[in-house]
Amino acid sequence: MTTTFPDALVPADDDARLRTLHQFQIVNTTPEQIFDNYVAWAAQLFGVPIALISLVDADYVWFKALTGATGIPGLVRNESMCSAAILAGNGVVISDYKAESCTLIKPDVAQAIGLNFYAGAALVATDDARLGMLALIAKEERGFSAAEADLLTRLAALVSQTIELRYRYIMSDQPGEWEDAQRELTKVLDDNSALARYLATRGQGIDLSDREIAQPIIRRLESVSQVLARRLA
C-alpha cells in the first residue's frame, strides 16, 4: 500500500479544521481512562508495541492517550507522522519507514525511536474535519491487511464518537454523566480485551483475515457503538 501525501504540511483550509478541533475542548487535557483503554486495546488487537490517539494542533501534535511509551505529551507538528497522515485520507500505512516515505516531516524523531511501521486512521468530526489520528507504531517492518485497515478505521470512528460524547456532556455541565459513560464504555472494552487475549493464545497473534476470529471482534465493536449511539441520541 502506497500513501501519497500533498505538497504542504499545513493546507489552506487548516484554520477551519482547527476551529472544529478547539471546539471540542480536548486539546492538551489530562489523561482520561476511556481513551487510555482504546489505545491499550488497539495495541493488543493489532500486536504492536505502541498505540496512540493524537490531536493535531496548529504547531504541536498532542497525544491524548499513549501506550507503550511514557513521558511524551506529543511532538511538534513537523516531526509527527500524524500531522501528515491527516492529510492523506482516512487510512495511512507505512510498512517500511524511510526518510523519503514522507518528506513533509523531519525524520529525526522517527529514526531516533527506530520507527519502521506506522498505520493510522483519522479521527473525523461530524463536519468532516480531521482532528487527529488513531495510530499504531512498531519498530519492525510488517504488513497490514485490508481487514486490519478496516478494523482500525472502525475503531477510530468509535474514538471520534467518544470525543463528541465527551464534548456534549461537558457543554451541558454534566461531568458526572461523562464519568458514568466512561465506566460503561470501559466495561465493554474490558470484555473486548479479554476476548483479544483469548484469541491471541490460540495462535501467533490475531489473524483478522480469519472470519472466525474477526467476527466476534466486530460484534464487540458494535457493542461499543451501541453504547455510544444510545448516549449520543
C-alpha atoms as a PDB file:
ATOM      1  CA  MET A   1       0.000   0.000   0.000  1.00  0.00           C
ATOM      2  CA  THR A   2       1.483   3.346  -1.079  1.00  0.00           C
ATOM      3  CA  THR A   3       0.455   6.531   0.681  1.00  0.00           C
ATOM      4  CA  THR A   4       0.533   9.760  -1.305  1.00  0.00           C
ATOM      5  CA  PHE A   5       0.949  12.986   0.641  1.00  0.00           C
ATOM      6  CA  PRO A   6       0.188  16.547  -0.565  1.00  0.00           C
ATOM      7  CA  ASP A   7       2.868  19.179  -1.118  1.00  0.00           C
ATOM      8  CA  ALA A   8       2.297  21.187   2.078  1.00  0.00           C
ATOM      9  CA  LEU A   9       2.007  20.118   5.720  1.00  0.00           C
ATOM     10  CA  VAL A  10      -0.416  22.950   6.539  1.00  0.00           C
ATOM     11  CA  PRO A  11      -3.241  23.176   3.999  1.00  0.00           C
ATOM     12  CA  ALA A  12      -5.033  26.393   3.090  1.00  0.00           C
ATOM     13  CA  ASP A  13      -8.198  25.353   4.949  1.00  0.00           C
ATOM     14  CA  ASP A  14      -6.422  24.418   8.169  1.00  0.00           C
ATOM     15  CA  ASP A  15      -7.966  27.301  10.147  1.00  0.00           C
ATOM     16  CA  ALA A  16     -11.438  25.783   9.769  1.00  0.00           C
ATOM     17  CA  ARG A  17     -10.156  22.392  10.896  1.00  0.00           C
ATOM     18  CA  LEU A  18      -8.502  23.963  13.927  1.00  0.00           C
ATOM     19  CA  ARG A  19     -11.720  25.754  14.895  1.00  0.00           C
ATOM     20  CA  THR A  20     -13.510  22.415  14.979  1.00  0.00           C
ATOM     21  CA  LEU A  21     -10.676  20.788  16.934  1.00  0.00           C
ATOM     22  CA  HIS A  22     -10.676  23.509  19.606  1.00  0.00           C
ATOM     23  CA  GLN A  23     -14.444  23.471  19.839  1.00  0.00           C
ATOM     24  CA  PHE A  24     -14.179  20.051  21.490  1.00  0.00           C
ATOM     25  CA  GLN A  25     -12.045  21.459  24.337  1.00  0.00           C
ATOM     26  CA  ILE A  26      -9.888  18.330  24.397  1.00  0.00           C
ATOM     27  CA  VAL A  27      -6.508  19.680  23.250  1.00  0.00           C
ATOM     28  CA  ASN A  28      -3.792  19.476  25.926  1.00  0.00           C
ATOM     29  CA  THR A  29      -6.098  17.946  28.540  1.00  0.00           C
ATOM     30  CA  THR A  30      -5.217  15.411  31.198  1.00  0.00           C
ATOM     31  CA  PRO A  31      -5.482  11.663  30.516  1.00  0.00           C
ATOM     32  CA  GLU A  32      -8.933  10.073  30.660  1.00  0.00           C
ATOM     33  CA  GLN A  33      -9.494   6.381  31.256  1.00  0.00           C
ATOM     34  CA  ILE A  34     -11.615   5.607  28.217  1.00  0.00           C
ATOM     35  CA  PHE A  35      -9.060   6.960  25.738  1.00  0.00           C
ATOM     36  CA  ASP A  36      -6.280   5.083  27.528  1.00  0.00           C
ATOM     37  CA  ASN A  37      -8.384   1.947  27.180  1.00  0.00           C
ATOM     38  CA  TYR A  38      -8.877   2.489  23.463  1.00  0.00           C
ATOM     39  CA  VAL A  39      -5.138   2.618  22.762  1.00  0.00           C
ATOM     40  CA  ALA A  40      -4.378  -0.299  25.068  1.00  0.00           C
ATOM     41  CA  TRP A  41      -6.909  -2.436  23.209  1.00  0.00           C
ATOM     42  CA  ALA A  42      -5.620  -1.275  19.814  1.00  0.00           C
ATOM     43  CA  ALA A  43      -2.057  -2.259  20.706  1.00  0.00           C
ATOM     44  CA  GLN A  44      -3.266  -5.655  21.912  1.00  0.00           C
ATOM     45  CA  LEU A  45      -5.555  -6.266  18.969  1.00  0.00           C
ATOM     46  CA  PHE A  46      -3.029  -5.401  16.269  1.00  0.00           C
ATOM     47  CA  GLY A  47       0.018  -6.771  18.078  1.00  0.00           C
ATOM     48  CA  VAL A  48       2.073  -3.559  18.138  1.00  0.00           C
ATOM     49  CA  PRO A  49       4.143  -2.109  20.997  1.00  0.00           C
ATOM     50  CA  ILE A  50       2.855   1.461  20.654  1.00  0.00           C
ATOM     51  CA  ALA A  51      -0.611   2.870  20.006  1.00  0.00           C
ATOM     52  CA  LEU A  52      -1.778   6.439  20.444  1.00  0.00           C
ATOM     53  CA  ILE A  53      -4.572   8.945  19.959  1.00  0.00           C
ATOM     54  CA  SER A  54      -3.212  12.193  18.557  1.00  0.00           C
ATOM     55  CA  LEU A  55      -4.771  15.640  18.151  1.00  0.00           C
ATOM     56  CA  VAL A  56      -3.106  17.810  15.510  1.00  0.00           C
ATOM     57  CA  ASP A  57      -2.948  21.415  16.700  1.00  0.00           C
ATOM     58  CA  ALA A  58      -1.539  24.441  14.856  1.00  0.00           C
ATOM     59  CA  ASP A  59       2.078  23.855  15.879  1.00  0.00           C
ATOM     60  CA  TYR A  60       2.008  20.758  18.049  1.00  0.00           C
ATOM     61  CA  VAL A  61       0.564  17.244  17.947  1.00  0.00           C
ATOM     62  CA  TRP A  62      -0.855  16.347  21.349  1.00  0.00           C
ATOM     63  CA  PHE A  63      -1.104  12.724  22.463  1.00  0.00           C
ATOM     64  CA  LYS A  64      -4.423  12.388  24.247  1.00  0.00           C
ATOM     65  CA  ALA A  65      -3.598   8.745  25.012  1.00  0.00           C
ATOM     66  CA  LEU A  66      -0.434   6.712  24.538  1.00  0.00           C
ATOM     67  CA  THR A  67       0.516   3.150  25.405  1.00  0.00           C
ATOM     68  CA  GLY A  68       3.948   1.616  25.014  1.00  0.00           C
ATOM     69  CA  ALA A  69       5.883   4.781  25.898  1.00  0.00           C
ATOM     70  CA  THR A  70       5.900   7.237  28.789  1.00  0.00           C
ATOM     71  CA  GLY A  71       6.612  10.903  29.364  1.00  0.00           C
ATOM     72  CA  ILE A  72       5.820  12.033  25.817  1.00  0.00           C
ATOM     73  CA  PRO A  73       2.993  14.611  25.720  1.00  0.00           C
ATOM     74  CA  GLY A  74       3.348  14.964  21.953  1.00  0.00           C
ATOM     75  CA  LEU A  75       5.604  16.248  19.180  1.00  0.00           C
ATOM     76  CA  VAL A  76       5.998  19.458  17.259  1.00  0.00           C
ATOM     77  CA  ARG A  77       3.840  19.325  14.162  1.00  0.00           C
ATOM     78  CA  ASN A  78       6.601  18.919  11.585  1.00  0.00           C
ATOM     79  CA  GLU A  79       8.083  15.937  13.440  1.00  0.00           C
ATOM     80  CA  SER A  80       4.916  13.859  13.832  1.00  0.00           C
ATOM     81  CA  MET A  81       3.718  11.406  11.210  1.00  0.00           C
ATOM     82  CA  CYS A  82       0.171  12.044  12.438  1.00  0.00           C
ATOM     83  CA  SER A  83       0.288  15.630  11.176  1.00  0.00           C
ATOM     84  CA  ALA A  84       0.977  14.351   7.670  1.00  0.00           C
ATOM     85  CA  ALA A  85      -1.372  11.386   7.980  1.00  0.00           C
ATOM     86  CA  ILE A  86      -4.482  13.551   8.484  1.00  0.00           C
ATOM     87  CA  LEU A  87      -3.841  14.994   5.013  1.00  0.00           C
ATOM     88  CA  ALA A  88      -3.668  11.704   3.153  1.00  0.00           C
ATOM     89  CA  GLY A  89      -7.109  10.167   3.530  1.00  0.00           C
ATOM     90  CA  ASN A  90      -8.793   8.291   6.331  1.00  0.00           C
ATOM     91  CA  GLY A  91      -6.225   5.494   6.385  1.00  0.00           C
ATOM     92  CA  VAL A  92      -2.421   5.647   6.167  1.00  0.00           C
ATOM     93  CA  VAL A  93       0.031   2.755   6.239  1.00  0.00           C
ATOM     94  CA  ILE A  94       3.816   2.988   6.016  1.00  0.00           C
ATOM     95  CA  SER A  95       5.184  -0.537   6.357  1.00  0.00           C
ATOM     96  CA  ASP A  96       8.873   0.242   5.943  1.00  0.00           C
ATOM     97  CA  TYR A  97       9.630   3.771   7.110  1.00  0.00           C
ATOM     98  CA  LYS A  98      12.405   5.753   5.459  1.00  0.00           C
ATOM     99  CA  ALA A  99      13.132   9.479   5.394  1.00  0.00           C
ATOM    100  CA  GLU A 100      11.678   9.644   1.887  1.00  0.00           C
ATOM    101  CA  SER A 101       8.469   7.912   2.993  1.00  0.00           C
ATOM    102  CA  CYS A 102       7.073  11.335   3.870  1.00  0.00           C
ATOM    103  CA  THR A 103       9.058  14.456   3.059  1.00  0.00           C
ATOM    104  CA  LEU A 104       6.586  16.723   4.906  1.00  0.00           C
ATOM    105  CA  ILE A 105       8.046  15.880   8.312  1.00  0.00           C
ATOM    106  CA  LYS A 106      11.540  15.775   9.755  1.00  0.00           C
ATOM    107  CA  PRO A 107      12.651  12.137  10.133  1.00  0.00           C
ATOM    108  CA  ASP A 108      14.793  12.734  13.241  1.00  0.00           C
ATOM    109  CA  VAL A 109      12.305  11.563  15.877  1.00  0.00           C
ATOM    110  CA  ALA A 110      11.120   8.563  13.873  1.00  0.00           C
ATOM    111  CA  GLN A 111      14.693   7.483  13.241  1.00  0.00           C
ATOM    112  CA  ALA A 112      15.687   8.047  16.873  1.00  0.00           C
ATOM    113  CA  ILE A 113      12.996   5.658  18.142  1.00  0.00           C
ATOM    114  CA  GLY A 114      13.573   3.223  15.299  1.00  0.00           C
ATOM    115  CA  LEU A 115      10.119   3.643  13.759  1.00  0.00           C
ATOM    116  CA  ASN A 116       9.692   1.212  10.874  1.00  0.00           C
ATOM    117  CA  PHE A 117       5.922   0.826  10.791  1.00  0.00           C
ATOM    118  CA  TYR A 118       3.074   3.308  11.077  1.00  0.00           C
ATOM    119  CA  ALA A 119      -0.618   2.715  10.499  1.00  0.00           C
ATOM    120  CA  GLY A 120      -3.254   5.285  11.280  1.00  0.00           C
ATOM    121  CA  ALA A 121      -6.936   6.026  10.821  1.00  0.00           C
ATOM    122  CA  ALA A 122      -8.258   9.569  11.003  1.00  0.00           C
ATOM    123  CA  LEU A 123     -10.425  10.879  13.832  1.00  0.00           C
ATOM    124  CA  VAL A 124     -13.158  12.696  11.933  1.00  0.00           C
ATOM    125  CA  ALA A 125     -15.721  15.157  13.331  1.00  0.00           C
ATOM    126  CA  THR A 126     -19.297  15.373  12.072  1.00  0.00           C
ATOM    127  CA  ASP A 127     -18.314  18.318   9.819  1.00  0.00           C
ATOM    128  CA  ASP A 128     -15.622  16.057   8.254  1.00  0.00           C
ATOM    129  CA  ALA A 129     -12.765  17.923   9.936  1.00  0.00           C
ATOM    130  CA  ARG A 130      -9.871  15.609  10.749  1.00  0.00           C
ATOM    131  CA  LEU A 131      -8.927  16.126  14.377  1.00  0.00           C
ATOM    132  CA  GLY A 132      -6.039  13.701  14.616  1.00  0.00           C
ATOM    133  CA  MET A 133      -5.254  10.013  14.289  1.00  0.00           C
ATOM    134  CA  LEU A 134      -5.604   6.678  15.993  1.00  0.00           C
ATOM    135  CA  ALA A 135      -2.139   5.344  15.230  1.00  0.00           C
ATOM    136  CA  LEU A 136      -0.186   2.105  15.570  1.00  0.00           C
ATOM    137  CA  ILE A 137       3.618   2.135  15.688  1.00  0.00           C
ATOM    138  CA  ALA A 138       6.176  -0.649  15.573  1.00  0.00           C
ATOM    139  CA  LYS A 139       9.932  -0.886  15.229  1.00  0.00           C
ATOM    140  CA  GLU A 140       9.816  -3.803  12.827  1.00  0.00           C
ATOM    141  CA  GLU A 141       8.626  -3.702   9.240  1.00  0.00           C
ATOM    142  CA  ARG A 142       5.323  -5.559   8.868  1.00  0.00           C
ATOM    143  CA  GLY A 143       2.366  -5.871   6.574  1.00  0.00           C
ATOM    144  CA  PHE A 144      -1.097  -4.527   7.232  1.00  0.00           C
ATOM    145  CA  SER A 145      -4.007  -6.319   5.631  1.00  0.00           C
ATOM    146  CA  ALA A 146      -7.204  -4.816   4.276  1.00  0.00           C
ATOM    147  CA  ALA A 147      -9.073  -6.477   7.150  1.00  0.00           C
ATOM    148  CA  GLU A 148      -6.762  -4.808   9.679  1.00  0.00           C
ATOM    149  CA  ALA A 149      -7.138  -1.426   7.956  1.00  0.00           C
ATOM    150  CA  ASP A 150     -10.920  -1.760   8.029  1.00  0.00           C
ATOM    151  CA  LEU A 151     -10.941  -2.649  11.718  1.00  0.00           C
ATOM    152  CA  LEU A 152      -8.625   0.244  12.587  1.00  0.00           C
ATOM    153  CA  THR A 153     -10.965   2.626  10.728  1.00  0.00           C
ATOM    154  CA  ARG A 154     -13.942   1.249  12.664  1.00  0.00           C
ATOM    155  CA  LEU A 155     -12.116   1.718  15.957  1.00  0.00           C
ATOM    156  CA  ALA A 156     -11.105   5.286  15.019  1.00  0.00           C
ATOM    157  CA  ALA A 157     -14.763   6.069  14.326  1.00  0.00           C
ATOM    158  CA  LEU A 158     -15.625   4.954  17.856  1.00  0.00           C
ATOM    159  CA  VAL A 159     -12.892   7.202  19.270  1.00  0.00           C
ATOM    160  CA  SER A 160     -14.301  10.108  17.227  1.00  0.00           C
ATOM    161  CA  GLN A 161     -17.789   9.489  18.599  1.00  0.00           C
ATOM    162  CA  THR A 162     -16.382   9.299  22.128  1.00  0.00           C
ATOM    163  CA  ILE A 163     -14.768  12.720  21.675  1.00  0.00           C
ATOM    164  CA  GLU A 164     -18.181  14.033  20.556  1.00  0.00           C
ATOM    165  CA  LEU A 165     -19.888  12.444  23.569  1.00  0.00           C
ATOM    166  CA  ARG A 166     -17.336  13.941  25.949  1.00  0.00           C
ATOM    167  CA  TYR A 167     -17.939  17.389  24.454  1.00  0.00           C
ATOM    168  CA  ARG A 168     -21.718  17.116  24.800  1.00  0.00           C
ATOM    169  CA  TYR A 169     -21.565  16.186  28.469  1.00  0.00           C
ATOM    170  CA  ILE A 170     -19.022  18.909  29.241  1.00  0.00           C
ATOM    171  CA  MET A 171     -21.035  21.578  27.426  1.00  0.00           C
ATOM    172  CA  SER A 172     -24.237  20.518  29.186  1.00  0.00           C
ATOM    173  CA  ASP A 173     -22.445  20.750  32.535  1.00  0.00           C
ATOM    174  CA  GLN A 174     -22.875  17.033  33.222  1.00  0.00           C
ATOM    175  CA  PRO A 175     -19.400  15.845  34.254  1.00  0.00           C
ATOM    176  CA  GLY A 176     -20.988  13.060  36.292  1.00  0.00           C
ATOM    177  CA  GLU A 177     -22.656  11.695  33.168  1.00  0.00           C
ATOM    178  CA  TRP A 178     -19.307  11.726  31.345  1.00  0.00           C
ATOM    179  CA  GLU A 179     -17.719   9.749  34.176  1.00  0.00           C
ATOM    180  CA  ASP A 180     -20.627   7.301  34.062  1.00  0.00           C
ATOM    181  CA  ALA A 181     -20.261   6.954  30.278  1.00  0.00           C
ATOM    182  CA  GLN A 182     -16.553   6.236  30.668  1.00  0.00           C
ATOM    183  CA  ARG A 183     -17.310   3.480  33.161  1.00  0.00           C
ATOM    184  CA  GLU A 184     -19.889   1.903  30.866  1.00  0.00           C
ATOM    185  CA  LEU A 185     -17.607   2.049  27.831  1.00  0.00           C
ATOM    186  CA  THR A 186     -14.655   0.788  29.862  1.00  0.00           C
ATOM    187  CA  LYS A 187     -16.619  -2.285  30.920  1.00  0.00           C
ATOM    188  CA  VAL A 188     -17.361  -3.122  27.288  1.00  0.00           C
ATOM    189  CA  LEU A 189     -13.734  -2.557  26.294  1.00  0.00           C
ATOM    190  CA  ASP A 190     -12.557  -4.753  29.177  1.00  0.00           C
ATOM    191  CA  ASP A 191     -14.691  -7.530  27.714  1.00  0.00           C
ATOM    192  CA  ASN A 192     -13.063  -6.855  24.345  1.00  0.00           C
ATOM    193  CA  SER A 193      -9.595  -7.113  25.878  1.00  0.00           C
ATOM    194  CA  ALA A 194     -10.464 -10.462  27.429  1.00  0.00           C
ATOM    195  CA  LEU A 195     -11.628 -11.695  24.026  1.00  0.00           C
ATOM    196  CA  ALA A 196      -8.446 -10.437  22.344  1.00  0.00           C
ATOM    197  CA  ARG A 197      -6.273 -12.195  24.926  1.00  0.00           C
ATOM    198  CA  TYR A 198      -8.162 -15.429  24.358  1.00  0.00           C
ATOM    199  CA  LEU A 199      -7.872 -15.195  20.582  1.00  0.00           C
ATOM    200  CA  ALA A 200      -4.164 -14.368  20.782  1.00  0.00           C
ATOM    201  CA  THR A 201      -3.478 -17.502  22.831  1.00  0.00           C
ATOM    202  CA  ARG A 202      -4.934 -19.632  20.038  1.00  0.00           C
ATOM    203  CA  GLY A 203      -2.128 -18.789  17.633  1.00  0.00           C
ATOM    204  CA  GLN A 204       0.662 -16.400  16.775  1.00  0.00           C
ATOM    205  CA  GLY A 205      -1.238 -13.162  17.258  1.00  0.00           C
ATOM    206  CA  ILE A 206      -4.708 -12.338  15.969  1.00  0.00           C
ATOM    207  CA  ASP A 207      -5.337 -13.060  12.291  1.00  0.00           C
ATOM    208  CA  LEU A 208      -8.098 -10.626  11.362  1.00  0.00           C
ATOM    209  CA  SER A 209      -8.343 -12.078   7.867  1.00  0.00           C
ATOM    210  CA  ASP A 210      -9.748 -15.228   9.509  1.00  0.00           C
ATOM    211  CA  ARG A 211     -13.516 -14.677   9.550  1.00  0.00           C
ATOM    212  CA  GLU A 212     -13.953 -16.935  12.587  1.00  0.00           C
ATOM    213  CA  ILE A 213     -11.630 -14.663  14.534  1.00  0.00           C
ATOM    214  CA  ALA A 214     -12.734 -11.339  13.062  1.00  0.00           C
ATOM    215  CA  GLN A 215     -16.486 -11.753  13.556  1.00  0.00           C
ATOM    216  CA  PRO A 216     -16.538 -11.866  17.381  1.00  0.00           C
ATOM    217  CA  ILE A 217     -14.241  -8.830  17.465  1.00  0.00           C
ATOM    218  CA  ILE A 218     -16.516  -6.929  15.085  1.00  0.00           C
ATOM    219  CA  ARG A 219     -19.509  -7.828  17.247  1.00  0.00           C
ATOM    220  CA  ARG A 220     -17.730  -6.388  20.268  1.00  0.00           C
ATOM    221  CA  LEU A 221     -17.015  -3.188  18.318  1.00  0.00           C
ATOM    222  CA  GLU A 222     -20.705  -2.995  17.528  1.00  0.00           C
ATOM    223  CA  SER A 223     -21.495  -3.278  21.234  1.00  0.00           C
ATOM    224  CA  VAL A 224     -19.321  -0.217  21.889  1.00  0.00           C
ATOM    225  CA  SER A 225     -21.050   1.552  19.010  1.00  0.00           C
ATOM    226  CA  GLN A 226     -24.454   0.796  20.511  1.00  0.00           C
ATOM    227  CA  VAL A 227     -23.469   2.357  23.836  1.00  0.00           C
ATOM    228  CA  LEU A 228     -22.253   5.499  22.044  1.00  0.00           C
ATOM    229  CA  ALA A 229     -25.337   5.696  19.812  1.00  0.00           C
ATOM    230  CA  ARG A 230     -27.658   5.440  22.800  1.00  0.00           C
ATOM    231  CA  ARG A 231     -25.845   8.143  24.730  1.00  0.00           C
ATOM    232  CA  LEU A 232     -25.488  10.447  21.712  1.00  0.00           C
ATOM    233  CA  ALA A 233     -29.162  10.119  20.754  1.00  0.00           C
END
